[in-house]
Amino acid sequence: MPPTPGPTPGPHVPGLSPWVCQALRCPATGEPLVSDPDGGPRLVAVAAGLAYPVHEGVPHLLVDQAETVSGALSESLPESLSESLSESLSGAQVATEAAPEG
């Protein structure tokens, strides 16, 4: 009998495949998105404080349609996740700064 796959890490939003959720990034900052800790149909950019709605399985990643979330949201996330996101962001900024202009 083949092994059953384990849970896929990363955000999960009903109606979206887990691999899609893992690939999506905040259009404002490029940071990884996490699922809404309140269980709503949203993807959240913690550092940016933005929540992007998901309607009928389609993420709406438009900055002008994003909702602003309070600091309480980031406080509800595990500390290790917040640290992981911060490290990801700092790596993305370094890569952007090092890219040649063209």
Protein backbone atom coordinates (compact mmCIF):
# COMPACT_ATOMS: atom_id res chain seq x y z
CA MET A 1 0.00 0.00 0.00
CA PRO A 2 1.50 3.40 -0.96
CA PRO A 3 2.13 5.86 1.86
CA THR A 4 -0.52 8.48 2.36
CA PRO A 5 0.75 11.99 1.82
CA GLY A 6 1.08 14.11 4.92
CA PRO A 7 -0.43 17.52 5.38
CA THR A 8 0.84 20.20 3.05
CA PRO A 9 2.53 23.04 4.94
CA GLY A 10 1.45 26.58 4.27
CA PRO A 11 -1.85 28.38 4.07
CA HIS A 12 -5.09 26.62 3.27
CA VAL A 13 -8.15 28.40 1.99
CA PRO A 14 -11.27 26.41 1.11
CA GLY A 15 -11.66 26.23 -2.66
CA LEU A 16 -7.96 26.75 -3.39
CA SER A 17 -5.42 24.00 -3.97
CA PRO A 18 -2.67 24.01 -1.32
CA TRP A 19 0.07 24.40 -3.97
CA VAL A 20 -1.67 27.53 -5.28
CA CYS A 21 -1.76 29.03 -1.80
CA GLN A 22 1.94 28.32 -1.32
CA ALA A 23 2.85 29.99 -4.63
CA LEU A 24 0.90 33.21 -4.07
CA ARG A 25 2.66 36.32 -2.75
CA CYS A 26 1.50 39.73 -1.60
CA PRO A 27 1.52 42.03 -4.64
CA ALA A 28 2.53 44.99 -2.45
CA THR A 29 5.51 43.42 -0.64
CA GLY A 30 6.20 40.02 -2.20
CA GLU A 31 5.88 38.32 1.18
CA PRO A 32 4.29 34.86 1.46
CA LEU A 33 0.60 34.87 2.29
CA VAL A 34 -0.93 32.95 5.18
CA SER A 35 -4.48 31.78 5.66
CA ASP A 36 -6.74 33.96 7.77
CA PRO A 37 -6.33 32.86 11.42
CA ASP A 38 -10.03 33.64 11.89
CA GLY A 39 -10.84 31.00 9.26
CA GLY A 40 -12.26 33.47 6.78
CA PRO A 41 -11.83 33.19 3.02
CA ARG A 42 -8.83 35.51 2.92
CA LEU A 43 -5.09 35.34 2.39
CA VAL A 44 -3.14 37.59 4.74
CA ALA A 45 0.15 39.44 4.29
CA VAL A 46 1.18 39.75 7.94
CA ALA A 47 4.01 42.29 7.66
CA ALA A 48 2.02 44.50 5.28
CA GLY A 49 -1.12 44.20 7.40
CA LEU A 50 -3.23 43.40 4.34
CA ALA A 51 -5.87 40.72 3.81
CA TYR A 52 -6.86 39.73 0.29
CA PRO A 53 -10.35 38.28 -0.22
CA VAL A 54 -11.00 34.94 -1.89
CA HIS A 55 -14.33 34.77 -3.74
CA GLU A 56 -15.60 31.40 -5.03
CA GLY A 57 -12.07 29.99 -4.92
CA VAL A 58 -10.49 32.94 -6.77
CA PRO A 59 -7.99 35.07 -4.81
CA HIS A 60 -8.34 38.80 -5.49
CA LEU A 61 -4.77 40.01 -5.08
CA LEU A 62 -5.42 43.66 -5.81
CA VAL A 63 -3.91 46.07 -3.31
CA ASP A 64 -6.81 48.51 -3.68
CA GLN A 65 -9.26 45.71 -2.75
CA ALA A 66 -7.25 44.46 0.23
CA GLU A 67 -8.55 44.96 3.75
CA THR A 68 -6.28 46.45 6.39
CA VAL A 69 -5.80 44.14 9.36
CA SER A 70 -4.77 45.22 12.83
CA GLY A 71 -1.66 44.25 14.72
CA ALA A 72 -3.80 41.83 16.71
CA LEU A 73 -3.78 39.50 13.72
CA SER A 74 -0.01 39.16 13.71
CA GLU A 75 -0.07 38.62 17.47
CA SER A 76 -2.38 35.63 16.98
CA LEU A 77 0.15 33.88 14.73
CA PRO A 78 2.76 31.59 16.23
CA GLU A 79 6.03 33.38 16.90
CA SER A 80 7.99 30.93 14.75
CA LEU A 81 5.76 31.73 11.76
CA SER A 82 6.23 35.46 12.24
CA GLU A 83 10.01 34.98 12.43
CA SER A 84 9.96 32.79 9.34
CA LEU A 85 8.05 35.44 7.41
CA SER A 86 10.48 38.14 8.53
CA GLU A 87 13.43 36.07 7.35
CA SER A 88 11.75 35.45 3.99
CA LEU A 89 11.12 39.15 3.56
CA SER A 90 14.67 40.19 4.39
CA GLY A 91 16.01 37.67 1.87
CA ALA A 92 13.66 39.00 -0.80
CA GLN A 93 14.76 42.58 -0.15
CA VAL A 94 18.44 41.66 -0.44
CA ALA A 95 17.80 39.86 -3.73
CA THR A 96 15.92 42.88 -5.07
CA GLU A 97 18.67 45.30 -4.06
CA ALA A 98 21.36 43.12 -5.63
CA ALA A 99 19.54 42.77 -8.97
CA PRO A 100 21.15 44.78 -11.79
CA GLU A 101 19.10 47.55 -13.31
CA GLY A 102 18.12 47.04 -16.88
